[in-house]
Amino acid sequence: LVLRVSTQPHWGAMPKAAAPKSKEQKAKAATSGGKGKKKKWSKGKVKEKLQNLVLFDKNTYEKLLSDIPKNKLITPSIVSEKLKVNGSLARKAVKELIAKGLTRVVSHHHAQSIYTRSSH
């Protein structure tokens, strides 16, 4: 019985090692491929900062007393938007309108209050 032992695979000779690359070839290979730049995420639409009043001036206070009681629906957010005052000032303004008898409460909840004009 004779056994043949070979160090090479039966399908052919081992592939030869590639010739070593020069520095220029390595640099070119490094810059050519790869992921490229990272994706920049958009910041979305940025809302403009409101410059609402924190105290009433004379004109705004007169508008509060004349225009707001004419609305069917009165909320602090509506007062804030129409008169360009901040939310806490709008809440106080609505309370003052109630005290003067110009508006009345429809529904009061700790988060949202709804008022309407007084029916005189």
PDB file of N, CA and C in Angstrom:
ATOM      1  N   LEU A   1       0.843  -1.179   0.000  1.00  0.00           N
ATOM      2  CA  LEU A   1       0.000   0.000   0.000  1.00  0.00           C
ATOM      3  C   LEU A   1       0.893   1.249   0.000  1.00  0.00           C
ATOM      4  N   VAL A   2       0.613   2.178  -0.942  1.00  0.00           N
ATOM      5  CA  VAL A   2       1.421   3.391  -1.064  1.00  0.00           C
ATOM      6  C   VAL A   2       0.501   4.603  -0.922  1.00  0.00           C
ATOM      7  N   LEU A   3       0.828   5.507  -0.002  1.00  0.00           N
ATOM      8  CA  LEU A   3       0.062   6.736   0.203  1.00  0.00           C
ATOM      9  C   LEU A   3       0.867   7.925  -0.278  1.00  0.00           C
ATOM     10  N   ARG A   4       0.211   8.734  -1.029  1.00  0.00           N
ATOM     11  CA  ARG A   4       0.866   9.959  -1.475  1.00  0.00           C
ATOM     12  C   ARG A   4       0.398  11.112  -0.584  1.00  0.00           C
ATOM     13  N   VAL A   5       1.274  11.896  -0.083  1.00  0.00           N
ATOM     14  CA  VAL A   5       0.934  13.041   0.747  1.00  0.00           C
ATOM     15  C   VAL A   5       1.464  14.291   0.049  1.00  0.00           C
ATOM     16  N   SER A   6       0.552  15.242  -0.164  1.00  0.00           N
ATOM     17  CA  SER A   6       0.944  16.471  -0.841  1.00  0.00           C
ATOM     18  C   SER A   6       0.619  17.662   0.060  1.00  0.00           C
ATOM     19  N   THR A   7       1.425  18.689   0.011  1.00  0.00           N
ATOM     20  CA  THR A   7       1.189  19.884   0.819  1.00  0.00           C
ATOM     21  C   THR A   7       0.297  20.889   0.100  1.00  0.00           C
ATOM     22  N   GLN A   8       0.061  20.678  -1.203  1.00  0.00           N
ATOM     23  CA  GLN A   8      -0.772  21.583  -1.974  1.00  0.00           C
ATOM     24  C   GLN A   8      -2.162  20.994  -2.140  1.00  0.00           C
ATOM     25  N   PRO A   9      -3.193  21.872  -2.235  1.00  0.00           N
ATOM     26  CA  PRO A   9      -4.540  21.353  -2.467  1.00  0.00           C
ATOM     27  C   PRO A   9      -4.625  20.693  -3.835  1.00  0.00           C
ATOM     28  N   HIS A  10      -5.582  19.797  -3.967  1.00  0.00           N
ATOM     29  CA  HIS A  10      -5.665  19.001  -5.185  1.00  0.00           C
ATOM     30  C   HIS A  10      -6.134  19.789  -6.403  1.00  0.00           C
ATOM     31  N   TRP A  11      -6.708  20.995  -6.213  1.00  0.00           N
ATOM     32  CA  TRP A  11      -7.236  21.735  -7.357  1.00  0.00           C
ATOM     33  C   TRP A  11      -6.213  22.645  -8.026  1.00  0.00           C
ATOM     34  N   GLY A  12      -5.044  22.772  -7.484  1.00  0.00           N
ATOM     35  CA  GLY A  12      -4.018  23.553  -8.160  1.00  0.00           C
ATOM     36  C   GLY A  12      -3.092  24.202  -7.163  1.00  0.00           C
ATOM     37  N   ALA A  13      -2.218  24.968  -7.685  1.00  0.00           N
ATOM     38  CA  ALA A  13      -1.209  25.605  -6.853  1.00  0.00           C
ATOM     39  C   ALA A  13      -1.821  26.764  -6.064  1.00  0.00           C
ATOM     40  N   MET A  14      -1.198  27.091  -4.944  1.00  0.00           N
ATOM     41  CA  MET A  14      -1.644  28.204  -4.102  1.00  0.00           C
ATOM     42  C   MET A  14      -1.445  29.508  -4.882  1.00  0.00           C
ATOM     43  N   PRO A  15      -2.346  30.478  -4.703  1.00  0.00           N
ATOM     44  CA  PRO A  15      -2.153  31.740  -5.411  1.00  0.00           C
ATOM     45  C   PRO A  15      -0.932  32.478  -4.863  1.00  0.00           C
ATOM     46  N   LYS A  16      -0.274  33.183  -5.758  1.00  0.00           N
ATOM     47  CA  LYS A  16       0.930  33.911  -5.355  1.00  0.00           C
ATOM     48  C   LYS A  16       0.525  35.191  -4.621  1.00  0.00           C
ATOM     49  N   ALA A  17       1.332  35.616  -3.697  1.00  0.00           N
ATOM     50  CA  ALA A  17       1.076  36.849  -2.949  1.00  0.00           C
ATOM     51  C   ALA A  17       1.233  38.040  -3.887  1.00  0.00           C
ATOM     52  N   ALA A  18       0.364  39.050  -3.701  1.00  0.00           N
ATOM     53  CA  ALA A  18       0.425  40.231  -4.554  1.00  0.00           C
ATOM     54  C   ALA A  18       1.678  41.031  -4.231  1.00  0.00           C
ATOM     55  N   ALA A  19       2.150  41.747  -5.226  1.00  0.00           N
ATOM     56  CA  ALA A  19       3.350  42.562  -5.035  1.00  0.00           C
ATOM     57  C   ALA A  19       3.028  43.678  -4.043  1.00  0.00           C
ATOM     58  N   PRO A  20       3.942  44.024  -3.164  1.00  0.00           N
ATOM     59  CA  PRO A  20       3.667  45.073  -2.176  1.00  0.00           C
ATOM     60  C   PRO A  20       3.365  46.411  -2.865  1.00  0.00           C
ATOM     61  N   LYS A  21       2.354  47.124  -2.306  1.00  0.00           N
ATOM     62  CA  LYS A  21       1.928  48.394  -2.898  1.00  0.00           C
ATOM     63  C   LYS A  21       2.865  49.512  -2.450  1.00  0.00           C
ATOM     64  N   SER A  22       3.002  50.508  -3.312  1.00  0.00           N
ATOM     65  CA  SER A  22       3.823  51.665  -2.956  1.00  0.00           C
ATOM     66  C   SER A  22       2.999  52.599  -2.062  1.00  0.00           C
ATOM     67  N   LYS A  23       3.646  53.585  -1.451  1.00  0.00           N
ATOM     68  CA  LYS A  23       2.954  54.528  -0.568  1.00  0.00           C
ATOM     69  C   LYS A  23       1.873  55.292  -1.318  1.00  0.00           C
ATOM     70  N   GLU A  24       2.151  55.696  -2.555  1.00  0.00           N
ATOM     71  CA  GLU A  24       1.178  56.446  -3.352  1.00  0.00           C
ATOM     72  C   GLU A  24      -0.067  55.609  -3.617  1.00  0.00           C
ATOM     73  N   GLN A  25       0.142  54.333  -3.946  1.00  0.00           N
ATOM     74  CA  GLN A  25      -0.992  53.441  -4.226  1.00  0.00           C
ATOM     75  C   GLN A  25      -1.846  53.243  -2.975  1.00  0.00           C
ATOM     76  N   LYS A  26      -1.198  53.112  -1.815  1.00  0.00           N
ATOM     77  CA  LYS A  26      -1.937  52.944  -0.559  1.00  0.00           C
ATOM     78  C   LYS A  26      -2.755  54.192  -0.232  1.00  0.00           C
ATOM     79  N   ALA A  27      -2.169  55.360  -0.414  1.00  0.00           N
ATOM     80  CA  ALA A  27      -2.863  56.618  -0.132  1.00  0.00           C
ATOM     81  C   ALA A  27      -4.057  56.790  -1.060  1.00  0.00           C
ATOM     82  N   LYS A  28      -3.874  56.450  -2.329  1.00  0.00           N
ATOM     83  CA  LYS A  28      -4.954  56.571  -3.314  1.00  0.00           C
ATOM     84  C   LYS A  28      -6.105  55.624  -2.957  1.00  0.00           C
ATOM     85  N   ALA A  29      -5.773  54.404  -2.548  1.00  0.00           N
ATOM     86  CA  ALA A  29      -6.793  53.417  -2.182  1.00  0.00           C
ATOM     87  C   ALA A  29      -7.565  53.874  -0.942  1.00  0.00           C
ATOM     88  N   ALA A  30      -6.883  54.496  -0.005  1.00  0.00           N
ATOM     89  CA  ALA A  30      -7.530  54.950   1.233  1.00  0.00           C
ATOM     90  C   ALA A  30      -8.512  56.088   0.971  1.00  0.00           C
ATOM     91  N   THR A  31      -8.171  56.988   0.050  1.00  0.00           N
ATOM     92  CA  THR A  31      -9.046  58.136  -0.200  1.00  0.00           C
ATOM     93  C   THR A  31     -10.168  57.832  -1.182  1.00  0.00           C
ATOM     94  N   SER A  32     -10.003  56.845  -2.022  1.00  0.00           N
ATOM     95  CA  SER A  32     -11.002  56.603  -3.077  1.00  0.00           C
ATOM     96  C   SER A  32     -12.283  55.968  -2.547  1.00  0.00           C
ATOM     97  N   GLY A  33     -12.180  55.009  -1.664  1.00  0.00           N
ATOM     98  CA  GLY A  33     -13.377  54.296  -1.210  1.00  0.00           C
ATOM     99  C   GLY A  33     -13.874  54.836   0.106  1.00  0.00           C
ATOM    100  N   GLY A  34     -14.582  54.008   0.843  1.00  0.00           N
ATOM    101  CA  GLY A  34     -15.021  54.377   2.183  1.00  0.00           C
ATOM    102  C   GLY A  34     -16.429  54.931   2.220  1.00  0.00           C
ATOM    103  N   LYS A  35     -16.834  55.326   3.414  1.00  0.00           N
ATOM    104  CA  LYS A  35     -18.205  55.780   3.648  1.00  0.00           C
ATOM    105  C   LYS A  35     -18.467  57.180   3.105  1.00  0.00           C
ATOM    106  N   GLY A  36     -17.454  58.024   3.103  1.00  0.00           N
ATOM    107  CA  GLY A  36     -17.686  59.405   2.702  1.00  0.00           C
ATOM    108  C   GLY A  36     -18.093  60.221   3.917  1.00  0.00           C
ATOM    109  N   LYS A  37     -18.762  61.346   3.687  1.00  0.00           N
ATOM    110  CA  LYS A  37     -19.132  62.231   4.796  1.00  0.00           C
ATOM    111  C   LYS A  37     -20.375  61.725   5.504  1.00  0.00           C
ATOM    112  N   LYS A  38     -20.461  62.057   6.795  1.00  0.00           N
ATOM    113  CA  LYS A  38     -21.625  61.682   7.593  1.00  0.00           C
ATOM    114  C   LYS A  38     -22.819  62.540   7.201  1.00  0.00           C
ATOM    115  N   LYS A  39     -24.011  61.966   7.282  1.00  0.00           N
ATOM    116  CA  LYS A  39     -25.225  62.707   6.911  1.00  0.00           C
ATOM    117  C   LYS A  39     -25.500  63.782   7.955  1.00  0.00           C
ATOM    118  N   LYS A  40     -25.769  64.974   7.473  1.00  0.00           N
ATOM    119  CA  LYS A  40     -26.114  66.073   8.382  1.00  0.00           C
ATOM    120  C   LYS A  40     -27.630  66.086   8.567  1.00  0.00           C
ATOM    121  N   TRP A  41     -28.077  66.043   9.813  1.00  0.00           N
ATOM    122  CA  TRP A  41     -29.513  66.067  10.101  1.00  0.00           C
ATOM    123  C   TRP A  41     -29.998  67.502  10.059  1.00  0.00           C
ATOM    124  N   SER A  42     -31.162  67.684   9.466  1.00  0.00           N
ATOM    125  CA  SER A  42     -31.724  69.038   9.411  1.00  0.00           C
ATOM    126  C   SER A  42     -32.288  69.394  10.781  1.00  0.00           C
ATOM    127  N   LYS A  43     -32.271  70.662  11.106  1.00  0.00           N
ATOM    128  CA  LYS A  43     -32.760  71.108  12.410  1.00  0.00           C
ATOM    129  C   LYS A  43     -34.264  71.301  12.410  1.00  0.00           C
ATOM    130  N   GLY A  44     -34.908  71.106  11.280  1.00  0.00           N
ATOM    131  CA  GLY A  44     -36.351  71.284  11.198  1.00  0.00           C
ATOM    132  C   GLY A  44     -36.697  72.759  11.147  1.00  0.00           C
ATOM    133  N   LYS A  45     -37.974  73.032  11.257  1.00  0.00           N
ATOM    134  CA  LYS A  45     -38.415  74.422  11.216  1.00  0.00           C
ATOM    135  C   LYS A  45     -38.281  75.024  12.611  1.00  0.00           C
ATOM    136  N   VAL A  46     -37.584  76.123  12.691  1.00  0.00           N
ATOM    137  CA  VAL A  46     -37.386  76.797  13.971  1.00  0.00           C
ATOM    138  C   VAL A  46     -38.428  77.901  14.095  1.00  0.00           C
ATOM    139  N   LYS A  47     -39.213  77.829  15.177  1.00  0.00           N
ATOM    140  CA  LYS A  47     -40.260  78.814  15.403  1.00  0.00           C
ATOM    141  C   LYS A  47     -39.644  80.122  15.883  1.00  0.00           C
ATOM    142  N   GLU A  48     -40.206  81.217  15.410  1.00  0.00           N
ATOM    143  CA  GLU A  48     -39.714  82.516  15.846  1.00  0.00           C
ATOM    144  C   GLU A  48     -40.149  82.780  17.283  1.00  0.00           C
ATOM    145  N   LYS A  49     -39.241  83.341  18.071  1.00  0.00           N
ATOM    146  CA  LYS A  49     -39.547  83.626  19.472  1.00  0.00           C
ATOM    147  C   LYS A  49     -40.491  84.823  19.549  1.00  0.00           C
ATOM    148  N   LEU A  50     -41.566  84.663  20.338  1.00  0.00           N
ATOM    149  CA  LEU A  50     -42.541  85.742  20.489  1.00  0.00           C
ATOM    150  C   LEU A  50     -42.019  86.782  21.471  1.00  0.00           C
ATOM    151  N   GLN A  51     -42.279  88.030  21.168  1.00  0.00           N
ATOM    152  CA  GLN A  51     -41.911  89.121  22.076  1.00  0.00           C
ATOM    153  C   GLN A  51     -43.195  89.696  22.677  1.00  0.00           C
ATOM    154  N   ASN A  52     -43.865  88.891  23.512  1.00  0.00           N
ATOM    155  CA  ASN A  52     -45.124  89.317  24.118  1.00  0.00           C
ATOM    156  C   ASN A  52     -44.875  90.233  25.310  1.00  0.00           C
ATOM    157  N   LEU A  53     -45.833  91.113  25.544  1.00  0.00           N
ATOM    158  CA  LEU A  53     -45.734  92.045  26.670  1.00  0.00           C
ATOM    159  C   LEU A  53     -45.931  91.311  27.992  1.00  0.00           C
ATOM    160  N   VAL A  54     -45.258  91.779  29.033  1.00  0.00           N
ATOM    161  CA  VAL A  54     -45.442  91.195  30.370  1.00  0.00           C
ATOM    162  C   VAL A  54     -46.246  92.130  31.272  1.00  0.00           C
ATOM    163  N   LEU A  55     -46.434  93.353  30.828  1.00  0.00           N
ATOM    164  CA  LEU A  55     -47.287  94.323  31.525  1.00  0.00           C
ATOM    165  C   LEU A  55     -48.134  95.044  30.483  1.00  0.00           C
ATOM    166  N   PHE A  56     -49.340  95.457  30.882  1.00  0.00           N
ATOM    167  CA  PHE A  56     -50.206  96.179  29.950  1.00  0.00           C
ATOM    168  C   PHE A  56     -49.720  97.616  29.777  1.00  0.00           C
ATOM    169  N   ASP A  57     -49.715  98.077  28.535  1.00  0.00           N
ATOM    170  CA  ASP A  57     -49.571  99.517  28.321  1.00  0.00           C
ATOM    171  C   ASP A  57     -50.986 100.065  28.119  1.00  0.00           C
ATOM    172  N   LYS A  58     -51.106 101.369  28.010  1.00  0.00           N
ATOM    173  CA  LYS A  58     -52.436 101.996  27.980  1.00  0.00           C
ATOM    174  C   LYS A  58     -53.271 101.509  26.794  1.00  0.00           C
ATOM    175  N   ASN A  59     -52.666 101.482  25.591  1.00  0.00           N
ATOM    176  CA  ASN A  59     -53.401 101.071  24.383  1.00  0.00           C
ATOM    177  C   ASN A  59     -53.894  99.627  24.481  1.00  0.00           C
ATOM    178  N   THR A  60     -53.018  98.744  24.951  1.00  0.00           N
ATOM    179  CA  THR A  60     -53.377  97.321  25.048  1.00  0.00           C
ATOM    180  C   THR A  60     -54.489  97.117  26.067  1.00  0.00           C
ATOM    181  N   TYR A  61     -54.424  97.841  27.181  1.00  0.00           N
ATOM    182  CA  TYR A  61     -55.447  97.708  28.219  1.00  0.00           C
ATOM    183  C   TYR A  61     -56.808  98.184  27.704  1.00  0.00           C
ATOM    184  N   GLU A  62     -56.795  99.268  26.934  1.00  0.00           N
ATOM    185  CA  GLU A  62     -58.050  99.766  26.349  1.00  0.00           C
ATOM    186  C   GLU A  62     -58.625  98.763  25.354  1.00  0.00           C
ATOM    187  N   LYS A  63     -57.740  98.114  24.580  1.00  0.00           N
ATOM    188  CA  LYS A  63     -58.183  97.069  23.637  1.00  0.00           C
ATOM    189  C   LYS A  63     -58.805  95.901  24.388  1.00  0.00           C
ATOM    190  N   LEU A  64     -58.196  95.553  25.525  1.00  0.00           N
ATOM    191  CA  LEU A  64     -58.717  94.465  26.355  1.00  0.00           C
ATOM    192  C   LEU A  64     -60.147  94.766  26.779  1.00  0.00           C
ATOM    193  N   LEU A  65     -60.390  95.976  27.245  1.00  0.00           N
ATOM    194  CA  LEU A  65     -61.717  96.334  27.744  1.00  0.00           C
ATOM    195  C   LEU A  65     -62.740  96.522  26.630  1.00  0.00           C
ATOM    196  N   SER A  66     -62.291  96.909  25.431  1.00  0.00           N
ATOM    197  CA  SER A  66     -63.252  97.183  24.351  1.00  0.00           C
ATOM    198  C   SER A  66     -63.461  95.992  23.413  1.00  0.00           C
ATOM    199  N   ASP A  67     -62.392  95.321  22.980  1.00  0.00           N
ATOM    200  CA  ASP A  67     -62.512  94.285  21.941  1.00  0.00           C
ATOM    201  C   ASP A  67     -62.786  92.882  22.479  1.00  0.00           C
ATOM    202  N   ILE A  68     -62.083  92.485  23.509  1.00  0.00           N
ATOM    203  CA  ILE A  68     -62.167  91.094  23.992  1.00  0.00           C
ATOM    204  C   ILE A  68     -63.573  90.734  24.480  1.00  0.00           C
ATOM    205  N   PRO A  69     -64.291  91.578  25.249  1.00  0.00           N
ATOM    206  CA  PRO A  69     -65.635  91.185  25.710  1.00  0.00           C
ATOM    207  C   PRO A  69     -66.649  90.987  24.581  1.00  0.00           C
ATOM    208  N   LYS A  70     -66.333  91.425  23.362  1.00  0.00           N
ATOM    209  CA  LYS A  70     -67.254  91.250  22.234  1.00  0.00           C
ATOM    210  C   LYS A  70     -67.176  89.848  21.622  1.00  0.00           C
ATOM    211  N   ASN A  71     -66.104  89.113  21.910  1.00  0.00           N
ATOM    212  CA  ASN A  71     -65.933  87.766  21.336  1.00  0.00           C
ATOM    213  C   ASN A  71     -66.899  86.779  21.979  1.00  0.00           C
ATOM    214  N   LYS A  72     -67.348  85.804  21.171  1.00  0.00           N
ATOM    215  CA  LYS A  72     -68.195  84.739  21.727  1.00  0.00           C
ATOM    216  C   LYS A  72     -67.366  83.792  22.579  1.00  0.00           C
ATOM    217  N   LEU A  73     -66.160  83.479  22.106  1.00  0.00           N
ATOM    218  CA  LEU A  73     -65.270  82.559  22.819  1.00  0.00           C
ATOM    219  C   LEU A  73     -64.071  83.345  23.334  1.00  0.00           C
ATOM    220  N   ILE A  74     -63.846  83.247  24.637  1.00  0.00           N
ATOM    221  CA  ILE A  74     -62.707  83.938  25.253  1.00  0.00           C
ATOM    222  C   ILE A  74     -61.928  82.915  26.079  1.00  0.00           C
ATOM    223  N   THR A  75     -60.652  82.769  25.759  1.00  0.00           N
ATOM    224  CA  THR A  75     -59.748  81.927  26.546  1.00  0.00           C
ATOM    225  C   THR A  75     -58.461  82.724  26.758  1.00  0.00           C
ATOM    226  N   PRO A  76     -57.675  82.361  27.765  1.00  0.00           N
ATOM    227  CA  PRO A  76     -56.399  83.062  27.953  1.00  0.00           C
ATOM    228  C   PRO A  76     -55.494  83.002  26.716  1.00  0.00           C
ATOM    229  N   SER A  77     -55.532  81.880  25.996  1.00  0.00           N
ATOM    230  CA  SER A  77     -54.675  81.775  24.810  1.00  0.00           C
ATOM    231  C   SER A  77     -55.130  82.721  23.702  1.00  0.00           C
ATOM    232  N   ILE A  78     -56.437  82.913  23.559  1.00  0.00           N
ATOM    233  CA  ILE A  78     -56.960  83.848  22.554  1.00  0.00           C
ATOM    234  C   ILE A  78     -56.582  85.280  22.933  1.00  0.00           C
ATOM    235  N   VAL A  79     -56.723  85.612  24.216  1.00  0.00           N
ATOM    236  CA  VAL A  79     -56.359  86.951  24.692  1.00  0.00           C
ATOM    237  C   VAL A  79     -54.864  87.192  24.455  1.00  0.00           C
ATOM    238  N   SER A  80     -54.056  86.178  24.768  1.00  0.00           N
ATOM    239  CA  SER A  80     -52.610  86.284  24.592  1.00  0.00           C
ATOM    240  C   SER A  80     -52.239  86.524  23.132  1.00  0.00           C
ATOM    241  N   GLU A  81     -52.896  85.803  22.232  1.00  0.00           N
ATOM    242  CA  GLU A  81     -52.598  85.928  20.805  1.00  0.00           C
ATOM    243  C   GLU A  81     -53.039  87.281  20.244  1.00  0.00           C
ATOM    244  N   LYS A  82     -54.245  87.703  20.596  1.00  0.00           N
ATOM    245  CA  LYS A  82     -54.791  88.944  20.019  1.00  0.00           C
ATOM    246  C   LYS A  82     -54.096  90.190  20.544  1.00  0.00           C
ATOM    247  N   LEU A  83     -53.788  90.207  21.836  1.00  0.00           N
ATOM    248  CA  LEU A  83     -53.199  91.409  22.438  1.00  0.00           C
ATOM    249  C   LEU A  83     -51.675  91.346  22.521  1.00  0.00           C
ATOM    250  N   LYS A  84     -51.088  90.224  22.123  1.00  0.00           N
ATOM    251  CA  LYS A  84     -49.628  90.023  22.182  1.00  0.00           C
ATOM    252  C   LYS A  84     -49.094  90.211  23.608  1.00  0.00           C
ATOM    253  N   VAL A  85     -49.782  89.554  24.557  1.00  0.00           N
ATOM    254  CA  VAL A  85     -49.328  89.559  25.949  1.00  0.00           C
ATOM    255  C   VAL A  85     -49.001  88.119  26.335  1.00  0.00           C
ATOM    256  N   ASN A  86     -48.208  87.940  27.398  1.00  0.00           N
ATOM    257  CA  ASN A  86     -47.864  86.571  27.770  1.00  0.00           C
ATOM    258  C   ASN A  86     -49.030  85.889  28.496  1.00  0.00           C
ATOM    259  N   GLY A  87     -48.922  84.580  28.682  1.00  0.00           N
ATOM    260  CA  GLY A  87     -50.038  83.776  29.193  1.00  0.00           C
ATOM    261  C   GLY A  87     -50.504  84.159  30.579  1.00  0.00           C
ATOM    262  N   SER A  88     -49.569  84.417  31.488  1.00  0.00           N
ATOM    263  CA  SER A  88     -49.969  84.748  32.865  1.00  0.00           C
ATOM    264  C   SER A  88     -50.710  86.083  32.908  1.00  0.00           C
ATOM    265  N   LEU A  89     -50.290  87.029  32.072  1.00  0.00           N
ATOM    266  CA  LEU A  89     -50.977  88.322  32.010  1.00  0.00           C
ATOM    267  C   LEU A  89     -52.365  88.153  31.390  1.00  0.00           C
ATOM    268  N   ALA A  90     -52.481  87.257  30.419  1.00  0.00           N
ATOM    269  CA  ALA A  90     -53.782  86.996  29.786  1.00  0.00           C
ATOM    270  C   ALA A  90     -54.757  86.381  30.791  1.00  0.00           C
ATOM    271  N   ARG A  91     -54.280  85.460  31.649  1.00  0.00           N
ATOM    272  CA  ARG A  91     -55.146  84.855  32.678  1.00  0.00           C
ATOM    273  C   ARG A  91     -55.646  85.919  33.655  1.00  0.00           C
ATOM    274  N   LYS A  92     -54.743  86.788  34.073  1.00  0.00           N
ATOM    275  CA  LYS A  92     -55.132  87.867  35.000  1.00  0.00           C
ATOM    276  C   LYS A  92     -56.121  88.825  34.331  1.00  0.00           C
ATOM    277  N   ALA A  93     -55.928  89.081  33.043  1.00  0.00           N
ATOM    278  CA  ALA A  93     -56.814  89.983  32.301  1.00  0.00           C
ATOM    279  C   ALA A  93     -58.226  89.419  32.244  1.00  0.00           C
ATOM    280  N   VAL A  94     -58.345  88.110  32.004  1.00  0.00           N
ATOM    281  CA  VAL A  94     -59.669  87.477  31.934  1.00  0.00           C
ATOM    282  C   VAL A  94     -60.345  87.544  33.300  1.00  0.00           C
ATOM    283  N   LYS A  95     -59.572  87.337  34.374  1.00  0.00           N
ATOM    284  CA  LYS A  95     -60.140  87.438  35.731  1.00  0.00           C
ATOM    285  C   LYS A  95     -60.655  88.850  36.001  1.00  0.00           C
ATOM    286  N   GLU A  96     -59.939  89.839  35.492  1.00  0.00           N
ATOM    287  CA  GLU A  96     -60.378  91.226  35.679  1.00  0.00           C
ATOM    288  C   GLU A  96     -61.664  91.493  34.902  1.00  0.00           C
ATOM    289  N   LEU A  97     -61.773  90.934  33.696  1.00  0.00           N
ATOM    290  CA  LEU A  97     -63.000  91.096  32.898  1.00  0.00           C
ATOM    291  C   LEU A  97     -64.197  90.472  33.620  1.00  0.00           C
ATOM    292  N   ILE A  98     -63.973  89.348  34.292  1.00  0.00           N
ATOM    293  CA  ILE A  98     -65.045  88.699  35.063  1.00  0.00           C
ATOM    294  C   ILE A  98     -65.433  89.595  36.243  1.00  0.00           C
ATOM    295  N   ALA A  99     -64.429  90.131  36.933  1.00  0.00           N
ATOM    296  CA  ALA A  99     -64.694  91.001  38.088  1.00  0.00           C
ATOM    297  C   ALA A  99     -65.483  92.244  37.678  1.00  0.00           C
ATOM    298  N   LYS A 100     -65.236  92.749  36.474  1.00  0.00           N
ATOM    299  CA  LYS A 100     -65.958  93.932  35.984  1.00  0.00           C
ATOM    300  C   LYS A 100     -67.307  93.567  35.378  1.00  0.00           C
ATOM    301  N   GLY A 101     -67.591  92.261  35.281  1.00  0.00           N
ATOM    302  CA  GLY A 101     -68.874  91.815  34.746  1.00  0.00           C
ATOM    303  C   GLY A 101     -68.957  91.839  33.228  1.00  0.00           C
ATOM    304  N   LEU A 102     -67.818  91.896  32.547  1.00  0.00           N
ATOM    305  CA  LEU A 102     -67.814  91.938  31.080  1.00  0.00           C
ATOM    306  C   LEU A 102     -67.821  90.545  30.449  1.00  0.00           C
ATOM    307  N   THR A 103     -67.384  89.528  31.196  1.00  0.00           N
ATOM    308  CA  THR A 103     -67.397  88.142  30.698  1.00  0.00           C
ATOM    309  C   THR A 103     -67.925  87.229  31.792  1.00  0.00           C
ATOM    310  N   ARG A 104     -68.248  85.987  31.403  1.00  0.00           N
ATOM    311  CA  ARG A 104     -68.677  84.994  32.396  1.00  0.00           C
ATOM    312  C   ARG A 104     -68.053  83.639  32.067  1.00  0.00           C
ATOM    313  N   VAL A 105     -67.987  82.768  33.075  1.00  0.00           N
ATOM    314  CA  VAL A 105     -67.347  81.460  32.933  1.00  0.00           C
ATOM    315  C   VAL A 105     -68.292  80.492  32.244  1.00  0.00           C
ATOM    316  N   VAL A 106     -67.772  79.754  31.272  1.00  0.00           N
ATOM    317  CA  VAL A 106     -68.514  78.657  30.645  1.00  0.00           C
ATOM    318  C   VAL A 106     -68.033  77.352  31.260  1.00  0.00           C
ATOM    319  N   SER A 107     -66.721  77.156  31.281  1.00  0.00           N
ATOM    320  CA  SER A 107     -66.130  75.944  31.844  1.00  0.00           C
ATOM    321  C   SER A 107     -64.777  76.304  32.440  1.00  0.00           C
ATOM    322  N   HIS A 108     -64.522  75.778  33.648  1.00  0.00           N
ATOM    323  CA  HIS A 108     -63.230  76.052  34.276  1.00  0.00           C
ATOM    324  C   HIS A 108     -62.575  74.736  34.650  1.00  0.00           C
ATOM    325  N   HIS A 109     -61.369  74.528  34.132  1.00  0.00           N
ATOM    326  CA  HIS A 109     -60.568  73.346  34.413  1.00  0.00           C
ATOM    327  C   HIS A 109     -59.185  73.860  34.773  1.00  0.00           C
ATOM    328  N   HIS A 110     -58.425  73.091  35.539  1.00  0.00           N
ATOM    329  CA  HIS A 110     -57.121  73.614  35.964  1.00  0.00           C
ATOM    330  C   HIS A 110     -56.188  73.884  34.786  1.00  0.00           C
ATOM    331  N   ALA A 111     -56.406  73.204  33.657  1.00  0.00           N
ATOM    332  CA  ALA A 111     -55.527  73.399  32.501  1.00  0.00           C
ATOM    333  C   ALA A 111     -56.080  74.402  31.498  1.00  0.00           C
ATOM    334  N   GLN A 112     -57.397  74.444  31.327  1.00  0.00           N
ATOM    335  CA  GLN A 112     -57.997  75.313  30.311  1.00  0.00           C
ATOM    336  C   GLN A 112     -59.299  75.893  30.839  1.00  0.00           C
ATOM    337  N   SER A 113     -59.443  77.189  30.692  1.00  0.00           N
ATOM    338  CA  SER A 113     -60.674  77.865  31.106  1.00  0.00           C
ATOM    339  C   SER A 113     -61.329  78.472  29.881  1.00  0.00           C
ATOM    340  N   ILE A 114     -62.657  78.372  29.814  1.00  0.00           N
ATOM    341  CA  ILE A 114     -63.406  78.913  28.682  1.00  0.00           C
ATOM    342  C   ILE A 114     -64.407  79.929  29.213  1.00  0.00           C
ATOM    343  N   TYR A 115     -64.430  81.086  28.568  1.00  0.00           N
ATOM    344  CA  TYR A 115     -65.314  82.170  28.975  1.00  0.00           C
ATOM    345  C   TYR A 115     -66.086  82.660  27.760  1.00  0.00           C
ATOM    346  N   THR A 116     -67.145  83.418  28.010  1.00  0.00           N
ATOM    347  CA  THR A 116     -67.910  84.034  26.926  1.00  0.00           C
ATOM    348  C   THR A 116     -68.331  85.425  27.362  1.00  0.00           C
ATOM    349  N   ARG A 117     -68.876  86.177  26.421  1.00  0.00           N
ATOM    350  CA  ARG A 117     -69.309  87.541  26.748  1.00  0.00           C
ATOM    351  C   ARG A 117     -70.527  87.495  27.664  1.00  0.00           C
ATOM    352  N   SER A 118     -70.667  88.502  28.490  1.00  0.00           N
ATOM    353  CA  SER A 118     -71.849  88.584  29.357  1.00  0.00           C
ATOM    354  C   SER A 118     -73.040  88.972  28.508  1.00  0.00           C
ATOM    355  N   SER A 119     -74.182  88.356  28.771  1.00  0.00           N
ATOM    356  CA  SER A 119     -75.385  88.679  27.990  1.00  0.00           C
ATOM    357  C   SER A 119     -76.152  89.772  28.717  1.00  0.00           C
ATOM    358  N   HIS A 120     -75.889  91.004  28.319  1.00  0.00           N
ATOM    359  CA  HIS A 120     -76.593  92.157  28.902  1.00  0.00           C
ATOM    360  C   HIS A 120     -77.588  92.673  27.908  1.00  0.00           C
TER     361      HIS A 120
END
